[in-house]
Amino acid sequence: MTESTEDEMSADDKRRDQLLRAENSTEADAAPRIVVSKGSSAPRIDIADTAAVRPGPGPGMADASDADASDADAPDPDTDDPDADPKLERS
C-alpha cells in the first residue's frame, strides 16, 4: 500500500492546496500573509509586505491617528463646561 499524496505534502503545500481549492481562487489567494522570525525571547510574527489584506482601517477609511487628531478639538460633554469656555457652544 502506498501513502497518499496528502501525507507527503509539507504544511506549506497543504495550506496552498487548501486555499486554491475554492472556486475562483487565484495564486494570490495562497500567497503568504505573515512572516515568522526568531526573536530574542519568542517568535516574532509580522504582516508580510506583500499581503493583499492587512489589519487596520481599509482603503478610504480614516486611520486611528487621523480620528484622534480630528476629535481633539471636539468638546467632551463629560468634562467640558460650556460656561467656562466661551468658544464652546451649548447644544
N, C-alpha and C. Protein backbone atom coordinates (compact mmCIF):
# COMPACT_ATOMS: atom_id res chain seq x y z
N MET A 1 0.85 -1.19 0.00
CA MET A 1 0.00 0.00 0.00
C MET A 1 0.89 1.25 0.00
N THR A 2 0.57 2.21 -0.83
CA THR A 2 1.36 3.44 -0.91
C THR A 2 0.68 4.53 -0.10
N GLU A 3 1.51 5.47 0.38
CA GLU A 3 0.97 6.60 1.13
C GLU A 3 0.29 7.56 0.17
N SER A 4 -0.73 8.22 0.65
CA SER A 4 -1.42 9.18 -0.21
C SER A 4 -0.54 10.42 -0.43
N THR A 5 -0.81 11.15 -1.46
CA THR A 5 -0.04 12.36 -1.78
C THR A 5 -0.16 13.38 -0.66
N GLU A 6 -1.32 13.43 -0.04
CA GLU A 6 -1.55 14.41 1.03
C GLU A 6 -0.62 14.18 2.21
N ASP A 7 -0.29 12.92 2.52
CA ASP A 7 0.62 12.63 3.62
C ASP A 7 2.04 13.07 3.31
N GLU A 8 2.40 13.15 2.03
CA GLU A 8 3.74 13.52 1.62
C GLU A 8 3.91 15.03 1.48
N MET A 9 2.83 15.79 1.55
CA MET A 9 2.88 17.23 1.37
C MET A 9 3.39 17.92 2.63
N SER A 10 4.15 18.99 2.44
CA SER A 10 4.59 19.80 3.59
C SER A 10 3.40 20.63 4.07
N ALA A 11 3.54 21.24 5.23
CA ALA A 11 2.48 22.09 5.78
C ALA A 11 2.18 23.25 4.82
N ASP A 12 3.23 23.83 4.23
CA ASP A 12 3.02 24.94 3.28
C ASP A 12 2.28 24.47 2.04
N ASP A 13 2.62 23.27 1.57
CA ASP A 13 1.93 22.72 0.39
C ASP A 13 0.47 22.44 0.70
N LYS A 14 0.19 21.91 1.88
CA LYS A 14 -1.21 21.63 2.27
C LYS A 14 -2.01 22.92 2.36
N ARG A 15 -1.40 23.98 2.94
CA ARG A 15 -2.07 25.28 3.06
C ARG A 15 -2.40 25.82 1.67
N ARG A 16 -1.40 25.80 0.77
CA ARG A 16 -1.60 26.29 -0.59
C ARG A 16 -2.69 25.50 -1.30
N ASP A 17 -2.64 24.18 -1.17
CA ASP A 17 -3.63 23.31 -1.81
C ASP A 17 -5.04 23.63 -1.31
N GLN A 18 -5.16 23.82 -0.01
CA GLN A 18 -6.48 24.11 0.57
C GLN A 18 -7.01 25.47 0.09
N LEU A 19 -6.13 26.48 0.04
CA LEU A 19 -6.57 27.81 -0.38
C LEU A 19 -6.90 27.88 -1.87
N LEU A 20 -6.30 27.02 -2.66
CA LEU A 20 -6.56 27.04 -4.11
C LEU A 20 -7.74 26.16 -4.50
N ARG A 21 -8.29 25.40 -3.58
CA ARG A 21 -9.45 24.54 -3.89
C ARG A 21 -10.74 25.33 -4.07
N ALA A 22 -10.82 26.49 -3.47
CA ALA A 22 -12.04 27.30 -3.55
C ALA A 22 -12.29 27.74 -4.99
N GLU A 23 -13.56 27.83 -5.33
CA GLU A 23 -13.93 28.28 -6.67
C GLU A 23 -13.43 29.70 -6.90
N ASN A 24 -12.93 29.98 -8.08
CA ASN A 24 -12.42 31.30 -8.49
C ASN A 24 -11.20 31.75 -7.69
N SER A 25 -10.53 30.84 -6.99
CA SER A 25 -9.33 31.23 -6.26
C SER A 25 -8.18 31.43 -7.23
N THR A 26 -7.23 32.26 -6.83
CA THR A 26 -6.06 32.53 -7.66
C THR A 26 -4.80 32.23 -6.86
N GLU A 27 -3.69 32.27 -7.53
CA GLU A 27 -2.41 32.04 -6.86
C GLU A 27 -2.18 33.07 -5.76
N ALA A 28 -2.68 34.29 -5.95
CA ALA A 28 -2.52 35.34 -4.93
C ALA A 28 -3.23 34.98 -3.63
N ASP A 29 -4.32 34.21 -3.72
CA ASP A 29 -5.04 33.79 -2.52
C ASP A 29 -4.17 32.90 -1.63
N ALA A 30 -3.24 32.19 -2.23
CA ALA A 30 -2.40 31.26 -1.49
C ALA A 30 -1.08 31.91 -1.05
N ALA A 31 -0.87 33.16 -1.39
CA ALA A 31 0.38 33.83 -1.03
C ALA A 31 0.48 33.98 0.49
N PRO A 32 1.67 33.85 1.03
CA PRO A 32 1.85 34.01 2.49
C PRO A 32 1.44 35.42 2.93
N ARG A 33 0.82 35.50 4.08
CA ARG A 33 0.37 36.79 4.61
C ARG A 33 1.14 37.22 5.84
N ILE A 34 1.91 36.30 6.42
CA ILE A 34 2.70 36.62 7.60
C ILE A 34 4.14 36.18 7.40
N VAL A 35 5.03 36.78 8.18
CA VAL A 35 6.44 36.41 8.20
C VAL A 35 6.78 36.09 9.65
N VAL A 36 7.28 34.89 9.89
CA VAL A 36 7.65 34.48 11.25
C VAL A 36 9.16 34.48 11.34
N SER A 37 9.70 35.19 12.33
CA SER A 37 11.14 35.20 12.54
C SER A 37 11.43 34.92 14.01
N LYS A 38 12.66 34.57 14.29
CA LYS A 38 13.05 34.25 15.66
C LYS A 38 13.41 35.53 16.38
N GLY A 39 12.72 35.83 17.47
CA GLY A 39 13.04 36.99 18.28
C GLY A 39 14.00 36.59 19.38
N SER A 40 14.35 37.53 20.24
CA SER A 40 15.29 37.22 21.31
C SER A 40 14.70 36.27 22.35
N SER A 41 13.41 36.40 22.62
CA SER A 41 12.81 35.52 23.63
C SER A 41 11.60 34.74 23.10
N ALA A 42 11.07 35.16 21.97
CA ALA A 42 9.88 34.49 21.42
C ALA A 42 9.83 34.72 19.92
N PRO A 43 9.10 33.88 19.21
CA PRO A 43 8.96 34.11 17.77
C PRO A 43 8.26 35.45 17.50
N ARG A 44 8.66 36.11 16.45
CA ARG A 44 8.04 37.37 16.05
C ARG A 44 7.21 37.11 14.81
N ILE A 45 5.97 37.58 14.82
CA ILE A 45 5.06 37.40 13.69
C ILE A 45 4.71 38.78 13.14
N ASP A 46 5.04 39.01 11.88
CA ASP A 46 4.76 40.29 11.22
C ASP A 46 3.89 40.05 10.00
N ILE A 47 3.14 41.07 9.62
CA ILE A 47 2.34 41.02 8.40
C ILE A 47 3.31 41.18 7.23
N ALA A 48 3.22 40.31 6.25
CA ALA A 48 4.11 40.37 5.09
C ALA A 48 3.84 41.64 4.28
N ASP A 49 4.90 42.23 3.75
CA ASP A 49 4.75 43.43 2.92
C ASP A 49 3.90 43.15 1.68
N THR A 50 3.90 41.90 1.25
CA THR A 50 3.17 41.52 0.04
C THR A 50 1.74 41.09 0.32
N ALA A 51 1.31 41.11 1.58
CA ALA A 51 -0.04 40.66 1.93
C ALA A 51 -1.08 41.57 1.28
N ALA A 52 -2.04 40.96 0.60
CA ALA A 52 -3.09 41.73 -0.08
C ALA A 52 -4.07 42.31 0.92
N VAL A 53 -4.28 41.62 2.00
CA VAL A 53 -5.22 42.05 3.04
C VAL A 53 -4.41 42.31 4.30
N ARG A 54 -4.59 43.47 4.89
CA ARG A 54 -3.82 43.85 6.07
C ARG A 54 -4.77 44.29 7.18
N PRO A 55 -4.36 44.14 8.42
CA PRO A 55 -5.21 44.59 9.52
C PRO A 55 -5.28 46.12 9.56
N GLY A 56 -6.31 46.63 10.16
CA GLY A 56 -6.46 48.07 10.29
C GLY A 56 -7.53 48.61 9.38
N PRO A 57 -7.67 49.93 9.35
CA PRO A 57 -8.69 50.56 8.51
C PRO A 57 -8.46 50.23 7.04
N GLY A 58 -9.53 50.04 6.33
CA GLY A 58 -9.44 49.73 4.91
C GLY A 58 -9.23 50.97 4.07
N PRO A 59 -9.12 50.80 2.76
CA PRO A 59 -8.92 51.94 1.87
C PRO A 59 -10.06 52.94 2.02
N GLY A 60 -9.72 54.21 2.12
CA GLY A 60 -10.73 55.26 2.22
C GLY A 60 -11.24 55.49 3.64
N MET A 61 -10.78 54.69 4.58
CA MET A 61 -11.20 54.86 5.98
C MET A 61 -10.11 55.64 6.72
N ALA A 62 -10.51 56.44 7.68
CA ALA A 62 -9.56 57.24 8.45
C ALA A 62 -8.71 56.34 9.34
N ASP A 63 -7.44 56.68 9.46
CA ASP A 63 -6.56 55.99 10.40
C ASP A 63 -7.01 56.31 11.81
N ALA A 64 -6.62 55.49 12.75
CA ALA A 64 -6.92 55.78 14.15
C ALA A 64 -6.23 57.09 14.55
N SER A 65 -5.02 57.34 14.03
CA SER A 65 -4.31 58.57 14.34
C SER A 65 -5.04 59.79 13.75
N ASP A 66 -5.63 59.63 12.56
CA ASP A 66 -6.41 60.72 11.96
C ASP A 66 -7.66 61.01 12.76
N ALA A 67 -8.31 59.95 13.25
CA ALA A 67 -9.55 60.12 14.02
C ALA A 67 -9.25 60.83 15.33
N ASP A 68 -8.13 60.50 15.97
CA ASP A 68 -7.76 61.14 17.22
C ASP A 68 -7.49 62.62 17.00
N ALA A 69 -6.82 62.95 15.91
CA ALA A 69 -6.48 64.34 15.64
C ALA A 69 -7.74 65.16 15.35
N SER A 70 -8.69 64.60 14.63
CA SER A 70 -9.89 65.36 14.30
C SER A 70 -10.82 65.51 15.49
N ASP A 71 -10.74 64.60 16.44
CA ASP A 71 -11.58 64.67 17.64
C ASP A 71 -10.97 65.55 18.72
N ALA A 72 -9.73 66.00 18.54
CA ALA A 72 -9.04 66.75 19.59
C ALA A 72 -9.74 68.07 19.88
N ASP A 73 -10.34 68.71 18.89
CA ASP A 73 -10.99 69.99 19.10
C ASP A 73 -12.45 69.86 19.51
N ALA A 74 -13.00 68.68 19.44
CA ALA A 74 -14.41 68.48 19.78
C ALA A 74 -14.59 68.54 21.29
N PRO A 75 -15.65 69.19 21.76
CA PRO A 75 -15.88 69.26 23.21
C PRO A 75 -16.28 67.90 23.76
N ASP A 76 -15.82 67.62 24.96
CA ASP A 76 -16.17 66.38 25.65
C ASP A 76 -17.31 66.71 26.61
N PRO A 77 -18.50 66.18 26.39
CA PRO A 77 -19.65 66.54 27.23
C PRO A 77 -19.47 66.14 28.69
N ASP A 78 -18.58 65.20 28.97
CA ASP A 78 -18.38 64.77 30.36
C ASP A 78 -17.43 65.68 31.12
N THR A 79 -16.52 66.37 30.42
CA THR A 79 -15.52 67.17 31.13
C THR A 79 -15.55 68.65 30.76
N ASP A 80 -16.07 69.01 29.60
CA ASP A 80 -16.06 70.40 29.18
C ASP A 80 -17.31 71.13 29.69
N ASP A 81 -17.08 72.28 30.30
CA ASP A 81 -18.18 73.10 30.81
C ASP A 81 -18.37 74.28 29.85
N PRO A 82 -19.51 74.34 29.14
CA PRO A 82 -19.71 75.44 28.18
C PRO A 82 -19.65 76.82 28.81
N ASP A 83 -19.96 76.94 30.10
CA ASP A 83 -19.91 78.24 30.76
C ASP A 83 -18.47 78.66 31.04
N ALA A 84 -17.57 77.70 31.13
CA ALA A 84 -16.18 78.01 31.46
C ALA A 84 -15.38 78.46 30.24
N ASP A 85 -15.77 78.05 29.06
CA ASP A 85 -15.02 78.38 27.84
C ASP A 85 -15.98 79.00 26.83
N PRO A 86 -15.81 80.28 26.51
CA PRO A 86 -16.75 80.93 25.59
C PRO A 86 -16.70 80.38 24.18
N LYS A 87 -15.64 79.67 23.79
CA LYS A 87 -15.56 79.09 22.45
C LYS A 87 -16.49 77.90 22.29
N LEU A 88 -16.85 77.26 23.40
CA LEU A 88 -17.74 76.09 23.32
C LEU A 88 -19.18 76.54 23.32
N GLU A 89 -19.97 75.92 22.48
CA GLU A 89 -21.37 76.28 22.38
C GLU A 89 -22.23 75.26 23.11
N ARG A 90 -23.32 75.73 23.61
CA ARG A 90 -24.30 74.80 24.22
C ARG A 90 -25.11 74.15 23.13
N SER A 91 -25.41 72.85 23.33
CA SER A 91 -26.22 72.18 22.33
C SER A 91 -27.64 72.04 22.81
